[in-house]
Amino acid sequence: YKLDLSHEKEINDFCSVIKSKYKKIDVLINNAAKAM
């Protein structure tokens, strides 16, 4: 899934899709990061 983590609405929409489609997540890896 395309996801811009700097936008809360995109995060909310993405998580709604995940909960609806997959029901259960066994492992979550918060890996994405940004440096400037």
PDB file of all heavy atoms in Angstrom:
ATOM      1  N   TYR A   1       0.836  -1.188   0.000  1.00  0.00           N
ATOM      2  CA  TYR A   1       0.000   0.000   0.000  1.00  0.00           C
ATOM      3  C   TYR A   1       0.876   1.244   0.000  1.00  0.00           C
ATOM      4  O   TYR A   1       1.886   1.296   0.717  1.00  0.00           O
ATOM      5  CB  TYR A   1      -0.895   0.036   1.246  1.00  0.00           C
ATOM      6  CG  TYR A   1      -1.851  -1.119   1.337  1.00  0.00           C
ATOM      7  CD1 TYR A   1      -1.454  -2.325   1.898  1.00  0.00           C
ATOM      8  CD2 TYR A   1      -3.156  -0.998   0.854  1.00  0.00           C
ATOM      9  CE1 TYR A   1      -2.334  -3.398   1.982  1.00  0.00           C
ATOM     10  CE2 TYR A   1      -4.040  -2.063   0.930  1.00  0.00           C
ATOM     11  CZ  TYR A   1      -3.616  -3.264   1.493  1.00  0.00           C
ATOM     12  OH  TYR A   1      -4.482  -4.317   1.566  1.00  0.00           O
ATOM     13  N   LYS A   2       0.473   2.239  -0.788  1.00  0.00           N
ATOM     14  CA  LYS A   2       1.162   3.532  -0.740  1.00  0.00           C
ATOM     15  C   LYS A   2       0.699   4.266   0.510  1.00  0.00           C
ATOM     16  O   LYS A   2      -0.498   4.359   0.776  1.00  0.00           O
ATOM     17  CB  LYS A   2       0.857   4.369  -1.976  1.00  0.00           C
ATOM     18  CG  LYS A   2       1.678   5.651  -2.047  1.00  0.00           C
ATOM     19  CD  LYS A   2       1.362   6.458  -3.293  1.00  0.00           C
ATOM     20  CE  LYS A   2       2.310   7.647  -3.438  1.00  0.00           C
ATOM     21  NZ  LYS A   2       2.440   8.472  -2.222  1.00  0.00           N
ATOM     22  N   LEU A   3       1.655   4.790   1.273  1.00  0.00           N
ATOM     23  CA  LEU A   3       1.309   5.442   2.535  1.00  0.00           C
ATOM     24  C   LEU A   3       2.308   6.543   2.851  1.00  0.00           C
ATOM     25  O   LEU A   3       3.507   6.290   3.000  1.00  0.00           O
ATOM     26  CB  LEU A   3       1.308   4.405   3.671  1.00  0.00           C
ATOM     27  CG  LEU A   3       1.023   4.923   5.070  1.00  0.00           C
ATOM     28  CD1 LEU A   3      -0.373   5.548   5.149  1.00  0.00           C
ATOM     29  CD2 LEU A   3       1.174   3.801   6.095  1.00  0.00           C
ATOM     30  N   ASP A   4       1.813   7.762   2.938  1.00  0.00           N
ATOM     31  CA  ASP A   4       2.621   8.895   3.366  1.00  0.00           C
ATOM     32  C   ASP A   4       2.390   9.066   4.860  1.00  0.00           C
ATOM     33  O   ASP A   4       1.327   9.531   5.299  1.00  0.00           O
ATOM     34  CB  ASP A   4       2.215  10.161   2.609  1.00  0.00           C
ATOM     35  CG  ASP A   4       3.100  11.349   2.950  1.00  0.00           C
ATOM     36  OD1 ASP A   4       3.793  11.304   3.985  1.00  0.00           O
ATOM     37  OD2 ASP A   4       3.105  12.327   2.176  1.00  0.00           O
ATOM     38  N   LEU A   5       3.388   8.708   5.655  1.00  0.00           N
ATOM     39  CA  LEU A   5       3.238   8.687   7.106  1.00  0.00           C
ATOM     40  C   LEU A   5       3.243  10.069   7.750  1.00  0.00           C
ATOM     41  O   LEU A   5       3.096  10.187   8.970  1.00  0.00           O
ATOM     42  CB  LEU A   5       4.339   7.822   7.724  1.00  0.00           C
ATOM     43  CG  LEU A   5       4.154   6.322   7.488  1.00  0.00           C
ATOM     44  CD1 LEU A   5       5.441   5.576   7.764  1.00  0.00           C
ATOM     45  CD2 LEU A   5       3.024   5.772   8.345  1.00  0.00           C
ATOM     46  N   SER A   6       3.394  11.101   6.943  1.00  0.00           N
ATOM     47  CA  SER A   6       3.324  12.452   7.495  1.00  0.00           C
ATOM     48  C   SER A   6       1.897  12.995   7.486  1.00  0.00           C
ATOM     49  O   SER A   6       1.648  14.106   7.971  1.00  0.00           O
ATOM     50  CB  SER A   6       4.237  13.406   6.718  1.00  0.00           C
ATOM     51  OG  SER A   6       3.804  13.559   5.373  1.00  0.00           O
ATOM     52  N   HIS A   7       0.945  12.184   6.985  1.00  0.00           N
ATOM     53  CA  HIS A   7      -0.449  12.627   6.902  1.00  0.00           C
ATOM     54  C   HIS A   7      -1.344  11.705   7.732  1.00  0.00           C
ATOM     55  O   HIS A   7      -1.481  10.513   7.426  1.00  0.00           O
ATOM     56  CB  HIS A   7      -0.927  12.640   5.450  1.00  0.00           C
ATOM     57  CG  HIS A   7      -0.242  13.694   4.621  1.00  0.00           C
ATOM     58  ND1 HIS A   7      -0.501  15.031   4.758  1.00  0.00           N
ATOM     59  CD2 HIS A   7       0.710  13.585   3.663  1.00  0.00           C
ATOM     60  CE1 HIS A   7       0.249  15.722   3.909  1.00  0.00           C
ATOM     61  NE2 HIS A   7       0.995  14.867   3.242  1.00  0.00           N
ATOM     62  N   GLU A   8      -1.956  12.248   8.752  1.00  0.00           N
ATOM     63  CA  GLU A   8      -2.780  11.446   9.656  1.00  0.00           C
ATOM     64  C   GLU A   8      -3.953  10.795   8.929  1.00  0.00           C
ATOM     65  O   GLU A   8      -4.296   9.642   9.209  1.00  0.00           O
ATOM     66  CB  GLU A   8      -3.288  12.303  10.817  1.00  0.00           C
ATOM     67  CG  GLU A   8      -4.092  11.496  11.839  1.00  0.00           C
ATOM     68  CD  GLU A   8      -4.544  12.327  13.023  1.00  0.00           C
ATOM     69  OE1 GLU A   8      -4.334  13.562  13.010  1.00  0.00           O
ATOM     70  OE2 GLU A   8      -5.122  11.738  13.959  1.00  0.00           O
ATOM     71  N   LYS A   9      -4.571  11.503   7.993  1.00  0.00           N
ATOM     72  CA  LYS A   9      -5.717  10.924   7.293  1.00  0.00           C
ATOM     73  C   LYS A   9      -5.311   9.679   6.518  1.00  0.00           C
ATOM     74  O   LYS A   9      -6.045   8.680   6.496  1.00  0.00           O
ATOM     75  CB  LYS A   9      -6.358  11.947   6.344  1.00  0.00           C
ATOM     76  CG  LYS A   9      -7.620  11.408   5.665  1.00  0.00           C
ATOM     77  CD  LYS A   9      -8.247  12.412   4.732  1.00  0.00           C
ATOM     78  CE  LYS A   9      -9.574  11.891   4.173  1.00  0.00           C
ATOM     79  NZ  LYS A   9      -9.469  10.582   3.514  1.00  0.00           N
ATOM     80  N   GLU A  10      -4.156   9.724   5.878  1.00  0.00           N
ATOM     81  CA  GLU A  10      -3.685   8.533   5.150  1.00  0.00           C
ATOM     82  C   GLU A  10      -3.459   7.370   6.105  1.00  0.00           C
ATOM     83  O   GLU A  10      -3.768   6.221   5.797  1.00  0.00           O
ATOM     84  CB  GLU A  10      -2.412   8.844   4.367  1.00  0.00           C
ATOM     85  CG  GLU A  10      -2.641   9.667   3.124  1.00  0.00           C
ATOM     86  CD  GLU A  10      -1.494   9.591   2.140  1.00  0.00           C
ATOM     87  OE1 GLU A  10      -0.775   8.562   2.122  1.00  0.00           O
ATOM     88  OE2 GLU A  10      -1.314  10.553   1.370  1.00  0.00           O
ATOM     89  N   ILE A  11      -2.915   7.660   7.278  1.00  0.00           N
ATOM     90  CA  ILE A  11      -2.701   6.614   8.282  1.00  0.00           C
ATOM     91  C   ILE A  11      -4.034   6.041   8.729  1.00  0.00           C
ATOM     92  O   ILE A  11      -4.202   4.812   8.814  1.00  0.00           O
ATOM     93  CB  ILE A  11      -1.910   7.172   9.484  1.00  0.00           C
ATOM     94  CG1 ILE A  11      -0.494   7.551   9.059  1.00  0.00           C
ATOM     95  CG2 ILE A  11      -1.868   6.151  10.621  1.00  0.00           C
ATOM     96  CD1 ILE A  11       0.300   8.271  10.120  1.00  0.00           C
ATOM     97  N   ASN A  12      -4.999   6.910   9.010  1.00  0.00           N
ATOM     98  CA  ASN A  12      -6.322   6.451   9.449  1.00  0.00           C
ATOM     99  C   ASN A  12      -6.990   5.577   8.392  1.00  0.00           C
ATOM    100  O   ASN A  12      -7.536   4.510   8.698  1.00  0.00           O
ATOM    101  CB  ASN A  12      -7.219   7.645   9.765  1.00  0.00           C
ATOM    102  CG  ASN A  12      -6.795   8.377  11.018  1.00  0.00           C
ATOM    103  OD1 ASN A  12      -6.090   7.833  11.858  1.00  0.00           O
ATOM    104  ND2 ASN A  12      -7.218   9.628  11.154  1.00  0.00           N
ATOM    105  N   ASP A  13      -6.942   6.039   7.138  1.00  0.00           N
ATOM    106  CA  ASP A  13      -7.566   5.275   6.053  1.00  0.00           C
ATOM    107  C   ASP A  13      -6.877   3.929   5.868  1.00  0.00           C
ATOM    108  O   ASP A  13      -7.532   2.896   5.683  1.00  0.00           O
ATOM    109  CB  ASP A  13      -7.512   6.078   4.748  1.00  0.00           C
ATOM    110  CG  ASP A  13      -8.408   7.308   4.780  1.00  0.00           C
ATOM    111  OD1 ASP A  13      -9.256   7.408   5.685  1.00  0.00           O
ATOM    112  OD2 ASP A  13      -8.236   8.176   3.893  1.00  0.00           O
ATOM    113  N   PHE A  14      -5.545   3.942   5.920  1.00  0.00           N
ATOM    114  CA  PHE A  14      -4.779   2.711   5.763  1.00  0.00           C
ATOM    115  C   PHE A  14      -5.126   1.717   6.871  1.00  0.00           C
ATOM    116  O   PHE A  14      -5.375   0.530   6.603  1.00  0.00           O
ATOM    117  CB  PHE A  14      -3.287   3.039   5.789  1.00  0.00           C
ATOM    118  CG  PHE A  14      -2.386   1.849   5.926  1.00  0.00           C
ATOM    119  CD1 PHE A  14      -2.194   0.983   4.867  1.00  0.00           C
ATOM    120  CD2 PHE A  14      -1.725   1.597   7.121  1.00  0.00           C
ATOM    121  CE1 PHE A  14      -1.359  -0.122   4.990  1.00  0.00           C
ATOM    122  CE2 PHE A  14      -0.892   0.504   7.256  1.00  0.00           C
ATOM    123  CZ  PHE A  14      -0.706  -0.362   6.189  1.00  0.00           C
ATOM    124  N   CYS A  15      -5.153   2.178   8.108  1.00  0.00           N
ATOM    125  CA  CYS A  15      -5.423   1.279   9.226  1.00  0.00           C
ATOM    126  C   CYS A  15      -6.844   0.726   9.171  1.00  0.00           C
ATOM    127  O   CYS A  15      -7.088  -0.430   9.549  1.00  0.00           O
ATOM    128  CB  CYS A  15      -5.166   1.992  10.554  1.00  0.00           C
ATOM    129  SG  CYS A  15      -3.414   2.331  10.873  1.00  0.00           S
ATOM    130  N   SER A  16      -7.774   1.519   8.684  1.00  0.00           N
ATOM    131  CA  SER A  16      -9.151   1.031   8.519  1.00  0.00           C
ATOM    132  C   SER A  16      -9.202  -0.103   7.506  1.00  0.00           C
ATOM    133  O   SER A  16      -9.888  -1.116   7.713  1.00  0.00           O
ATOM    134  CB  SER A  16     -10.067   2.174   8.071  1.00  0.00           C
ATOM    135  OG  SER A  16     -10.185   3.150   9.075  1.00  0.00           O
ATOM    136  N   VAL A  17      -8.465   0.038   6.418  1.00  0.00           N
ATOM    137  CA  VAL A  17      -8.398  -1.019   5.406  1.00  0.00           C
ATOM    138  C   VAL A  17      -7.774  -2.278   5.996  1.00  0.00           C
ATOM    139  O   VAL A  17      -8.270  -3.399   5.790  1.00  0.00           O
ATOM    140  CB  VAL A  17      -7.586  -0.548   4.178  1.00  0.00           C
ATOM    141  CG1 VAL A  17      -7.283  -1.723   3.253  1.00  0.00           C
ATOM    142  CG2 VAL A  17      -8.344   0.539   3.427  1.00  0.00           C
ATOM    143  N   ILE A  18      -6.694  -2.114   6.739  1.00  0.00           N
ATOM    144  CA  ILE A  18      -5.999  -3.264   7.330  1.00  0.00           C
ATOM    145  C   ILE A  18      -6.918  -4.021   8.278  1.00  0.00           C
ATOM    146  O   ILE A  18      -7.032  -5.253   8.220  1.00  0.00           O
ATOM    147  CB  ILE A  18      -4.722  -2.804   8.068  1.00  0.00           C
ATOM    148  CG1 ILE A  18      -3.712  -2.205   7.090  1.00  0.00           C
ATOM    149  CG2 ILE A  18      -4.102  -3.974   8.836  1.00  0.00           C
ATOM    150  CD1 ILE A  18      -3.279  -3.111   5.982  1.00  0.00           C
ATOM    151  N   LYS A  19      -7.612  -3.306   9.154  1.00  0.00           N
ATOM    152  CA  LYS A  19      -8.491  -3.967  10.126  1.00  0.00           C
ATOM    153  C   LYS A  19      -9.658  -4.667   9.436  1.00  0.00           C
ATOM    154  O   LYS A  19     -10.084  -5.739   9.869  1.00  0.00           O
ATOM    155  CB  LYS A  19      -9.008  -2.939  11.133  1.00  0.00           C
ATOM    156  CG  LYS A  19      -7.954  -2.500  12.132  1.00  0.00           C
ATOM    157  CD  LYS A  19      -8.528  -1.662  13.258  1.00  0.00           C
ATOM    158  CE  LYS A  19      -8.910  -0.285  12.805  1.00  0.00           C
ATOM    159  NZ  LYS A  19      -9.300   0.584  13.961  1.00  0.00           N
ATOM    160  N   SER A  20     -10.145  -4.085   8.365  1.00  0.00           N
ATOM    161  CA  SER A  20     -11.270  -4.675   7.651  1.00  0.00           C
ATOM    162  C   SER A  20     -10.870  -5.903   6.842  1.00  0.00           C
ATOM    163  O   SER A  20     -11.572  -6.920   6.834  1.00  0.00           O
ATOM    164  CB  SER A  20     -11.889  -3.626   6.727  1.00  0.00           C
ATOM    165  OG  SER A  20     -12.890  -4.189   5.918  1.00  0.00           O
ATOM    166  N   LYS A  21      -9.715  -5.818   6.193  1.00  0.00           N
ATOM    167  CA  LYS A  21      -9.310  -6.871   5.270  1.00  0.00           C
ATOM    168  C   LYS A  21      -8.614  -8.047   5.942  1.00  0.00           C
ATOM    169  O   LYS A  21      -8.806  -9.205   5.552  1.00  0.00           O
ATOM    170  CB  LYS A  21      -8.403  -6.283   4.184  1.00  0.00           C
ATOM    171  CG  LYS A  21      -7.988  -7.282   3.117  1.00  0.00           C
ATOM    172  CD  LYS A  21      -7.228  -6.612   1.987  1.00  0.00           C
ATOM    173  CE  LYS A  21      -6.808  -7.632   0.927  1.00  0.00           C
ATOM    174  NZ  LYS A  21      -6.083  -7.001  -0.206  1.00  0.00           N
ATOM    175  N   TYR A  22      -7.798  -7.765   6.962  1.00  0.00           N
ATOM    176  CA  TYR A  22      -6.926  -8.819   7.502  1.00  0.00           C
ATOM    177  C   TYR A  22      -7.348  -9.331   8.872  1.00  0.00           C
ATOM    178  O   TYR A  22      -6.882 -10.385   9.298  1.00  0.00           O
ATOM    179  CB  TYR A  22      -5.483  -8.316   7.561  1.00  0.00           C
ATOM    180  CG  TYR A  22      -4.953  -7.925   6.205  1.00  0.00           C
ATOM    181  CD1 TYR A  22      -5.023  -6.603   5.787  1.00  0.00           C
ATOM    182  CD2 TYR A  22      -4.437  -8.877   5.333  1.00  0.00           C
ATOM    183  CE1 TYR A  22      -4.552  -6.223   4.531  1.00  0.00           C
ATOM    184  CE2 TYR A  22      -3.977  -8.509   4.077  1.00  0.00           C
ATOM    185  CZ  TYR A  22      -4.031  -7.181   3.687  1.00  0.00           C
ATOM    186  OH  TYR A  22      -3.574  -6.809   2.446  1.00  0.00           O
ATOM    187  N   LYS A  23      -8.190  -8.619   9.575  1.00  0.00           N
ATOM    188  CA  LYS A  23      -8.748  -9.055  10.856  1.00  0.00           C
ATOM    189  C   LYS A  23      -7.703  -9.126  11.974  1.00  0.00           C
ATOM    190  O   LYS A  23      -7.936  -8.662  13.072  1.00  0.00           O
ATOM    191  CB  LYS A  23      -9.450 -10.422  10.716  1.00  0.00           C
ATOM    192  CG  LYS A  23     -10.471 -10.495   9.599  1.00  0.00           C
ATOM    193  CD  LYS A  23     -11.543  -9.423   9.731  1.00  0.00           C
ATOM    194  CE  LYS A  23     -12.572  -9.535   8.602  1.00  0.00           C
ATOM    195  NZ  LYS A  23     -13.543  -8.421   8.648  1.00  0.00           N
ATOM    196  N   LYS A  24      -6.545  -9.758  11.706  1.00  0.00           N
ATOM    197  CA  LYS A  24      -5.532  -9.893  12.748  1.00  0.00           C
ATOM    198  C   LYS A  24      -4.131  -9.655  12.173  1.00  0.00           C
ATOM    199  O   LYS A  24      -3.793 -10.168  11.112  1.00  0.00           O
ATOM    200  CB  LYS A  24      -5.576 -11.287  13.390  1.00  0.00           C
ATOM    201  CG  LYS A  24      -4.499 -11.509  14.458  1.00  0.00           C
ATOM    202  CD  LYS A  24      -4.690 -12.814  15.184  1.00  0.00           C
ATOM    203  CE  LYS A  24      -3.520 -13.144  16.103  1.00  0.00           C
ATOM    204  NZ  LYS A  24      -3.222 -12.085  17.097  1.00  0.00           N
ATOM    205  N   ILE A  25      -3.343  -8.849  12.900  1.00  0.00           N
ATOM    206  CA  ILE A  25      -1.941  -8.623  12.572  1.00  0.00           C
ATOM    207  C   ILE A  25      -1.105  -9.244  13.689  1.00  0.00           C
ATOM    208  O   ILE A  25      -1.288  -8.921  14.864  1.00  0.00           O
ATOM    209  CB  ILE A  25      -1.621  -7.117  12.449  1.00  0.00           C
ATOM    210  CG1 ILE A  25      -2.490  -6.465  11.369  1.00  0.00           C
ATOM    211  CG2 ILE A  25      -0.138  -6.908  12.149  1.00  0.00           C
ATOM    212  CD1 ILE A  25      -2.288  -7.015   9.983  1.00  0.00           C
ATOM    213  N   ASP A  26      -0.216 -10.144  13.329  1.00  0.00           N
ATOM    214  CA  ASP A  26       0.605 -10.827  14.332  1.00  0.00           C
ATOM    215  C   ASP A  26       1.874 -10.049  14.670  1.00  0.00           C
ATOM    216  O   ASP A  26       2.343 -10.088  15.809  1.00  0.00           O
ATOM    217  CB  ASP A  26       0.973 -12.224  13.822  1.00  0.00           C
ATOM    218  CG  ASP A  26      -0.251 -13.076  13.578  1.00  0.00           C
ATOM    219  OD1 ASP A  26      -0.838 -13.552  14.558  1.00  0.00           O
ATOM    220  OD2 ASP A  26      -0.642 -13.228  12.406  1.00  0.00           O
ATOM    221  N   VAL A  27       2.421  -9.373  13.673  1.00  0.00           N
ATOM    222  CA  VAL A  27       3.664  -8.614  13.862  1.00  0.00           C
ATOM    223  C   VAL A  27       3.543  -7.273  13.163  1.00  0.00           C
ATOM    224  O   VAL A  27       3.106  -7.206  12.011  1.00  0.00           O
ATOM    225  CB  VAL A  27       4.880  -9.387  13.293  1.00  0.00           C
ATOM    226  CG1 VAL A  27       6.145  -8.532  13.370  1.00  0.00           C
ATOM    227  CG2 VAL A  27       5.085 -10.697  14.034  1.00  0.00           C
ATOM    228  N   LEU A  28       3.929  -6.205  13.872  1.00  0.00           N
ATOM    229  CA  LEU A  28       3.975  -4.858  13.292  1.00  0.00           C
ATOM    230  C   LEU A  28       5.394  -4.330  13.436  1.00  0.00           C
ATOM    231  O   LEU A  28       5.927  -4.263  14.548  1.00  0.00           O
ATOM    232  CB  LEU A  28       2.994  -3.930  14.009  1.00  0.00           C
ATOM    233  CG  LEU A  28       3.131  -2.426  13.720  1.00  0.00           C
ATOM    234  CD1 LEU A  28       2.877  -2.135  12.244  1.00  0.00           C
ATOM    235  CD2 LEU A  28       2.190  -1.618  14.610  1.00  0.00           C
ATOM    236  N   ILE A  29       5.999  -3.950  12.307  1.00  0.00           N
ATOM    237  CA  ILE A  29       7.343  -3.371  12.313  1.00  0.00           C
ATOM    238  C   ILE A  29       7.242  -1.923  11.861  1.00  0.00           C
ATOM    239  O   ILE A  29       6.966  -1.639  10.690  1.00  0.00           O
ATOM    240  CB  ILE A  29       8.302  -4.130  11.369  1.00  0.00           C
ATOM    241  CG1 ILE A  29       8.205  -5.647  11.575  1.00  0.00           C
ATOM    242  CG2 ILE A  29       9.731  -3.618  11.557  1.00  0.00           C
ATOM    243  CD1 ILE A  29       8.723  -6.138  12.897  1.00  0.00           C
ATOM    244  N   ASN A  30       7.458  -0.992  12.773  1.00  0.00           N
ATOM    245  CA  ASN A  30       7.515   0.425  12.424  1.00  0.00           C
ATOM    246  C   ASN A  30       8.937   0.755  11.995  1.00  0.00           C
ATOM    247  O   ASN A  30       9.806   1.062  12.816  1.00  0.00           O
ATOM    248  CB  ASN A  30       7.089   1.292  13.618  1.00  0.00           C
ATOM    249  CG  ASN A  30       5.597   1.272  13.847  1.00  0.00           C
ATOM    250  OD1 ASN A  30       4.821   1.562  12.941  1.00  0.00           O
ATOM    251  ND2 ASN A  30       5.187   0.911  15.047  1.00  0.00           N
ATOM    252  N   ASN A  31       9.164   0.671  10.697  1.00  0.00           N
ATOM    253  CA  ASN A  31      10.514   0.819  10.151  1.00  0.00           C
ATOM    254  C   ASN A  31      10.713   2.119   9.380  1.00  0.00           C
ATOM    255  O   ASN A  31      11.801   2.686   9.394  1.00  0.00           O
ATOM    256  CB  ASN A  31      10.809  -0.374   9.230  1.00  0.00           C
ATOM    257  CG  ASN A  31      12.007  -0.109   8.344  1.00  0.00           C
ATOM    258  OD1 ASN A  31      13.155  -0.132   8.796  1.00  0.00           O
ATOM    259  ND2 ASN A  31      11.769   0.149   7.074  1.00  0.00           N
ATOM    260  N   ALA A  32       9.696   2.604   8.702  1.00  0.00           N
ATOM    261  CA  ALA A  32       9.843   3.789   7.847  1.00  0.00           C
ATOM    262  C   ALA A  32      10.377   4.971   8.644  1.00  0.00           C
ATOM    263  O   ALA A  32       9.972   5.206   9.784  1.00  0.00           O
ATOM    264  CB  ALA A  32       8.501   4.150   7.219  1.00  0.00           C
ATOM    265  N   ALA A  33      11.298   5.709   8.034  1.00  0.00           N
ATOM    266  CA  ALA A  33      11.894   6.852   8.724  1.00  0.00           C
ATOM    267  C   ALA A  33      12.328   7.903   7.720  1.00  0.00           C
ATOM    268  O   ALA A  33      12.478   7.627   6.528  1.00  0.00           O
ATOM    269  CB  ALA A  33      13.083   6.403   9.563  1.00  0.00           C
ATOM    270  N   LYS A  34      12.546   9.100   8.242  1.00  0.00           N
ATOM    271  CA  LYS A  34      12.961  10.214   7.400  1.00  0.00           C
ATOM    272  C   LYS A  34      14.067  10.992   8.096  1.00  0.00           C
ATOM    273  O   LYS A  34      14.038  11.173   9.318  1.00  0.00           O
ATOM    274  CB  LYS A  34      11.767  11.139   7.128  1.00  0.00           C
ATOM    275  CG  LYS A  34      12.069  12.263   6.155  1.00  0.00           C
ATOM    276  CD  LYS A  34      10.780  12.892   5.662  1.00  0.00           C
ATOM    277  CE  LYS A  34      11.048  13.790   4.464  1.00  0.00           C
ATOM    278  NZ  LYS A  34       9.822  14.228   3.815  1.00  0.00           N
ATOM    279  N   ALA A  35      15.052  11.451   7.320  1.00  0.00           N
ATOM    280  CA  ALA A  35      16.117  12.306   7.836  1.00  0.00           C
ATOM    281  C   ALA A  35      16.278  13.501   6.905  1.00  0.00           C
ATOM    282  O   ALA A  35      16.210  13.346   5.687  1.00  0.00           O
ATOM    283  CB  ALA A  35      17.426  11.532   7.944  1.00  0.00           C
ATOM    284  N   MET A  36      16.484  14.662   7.486  1.00  0.00           N
ATOM    285  CA  MET A  36      16.686  15.890   6.705  1.00  0.00           C
ATOM    286  C   MET A  36      17.842  16.665   7.341  1.00  0.00           C
ATOM    287  O   MET A  36      17.671  17.751   7.892  1.00  0.00           O
ATOM    288  CB  MET A  36      15.404  16.724   6.659  1.00  0.00           C
ATOM    289  CG  MET A  36      14.209  15.974   6.082  1.00  0.00           C
ATOM    290  SD  MET A  36      12.666  16.925   6.075  1.00  0.00           S
ATOM    291  CE  MET A  36      12.966  18.039   4.712  1.00  0.00           C
TER     292      MET A  36
END
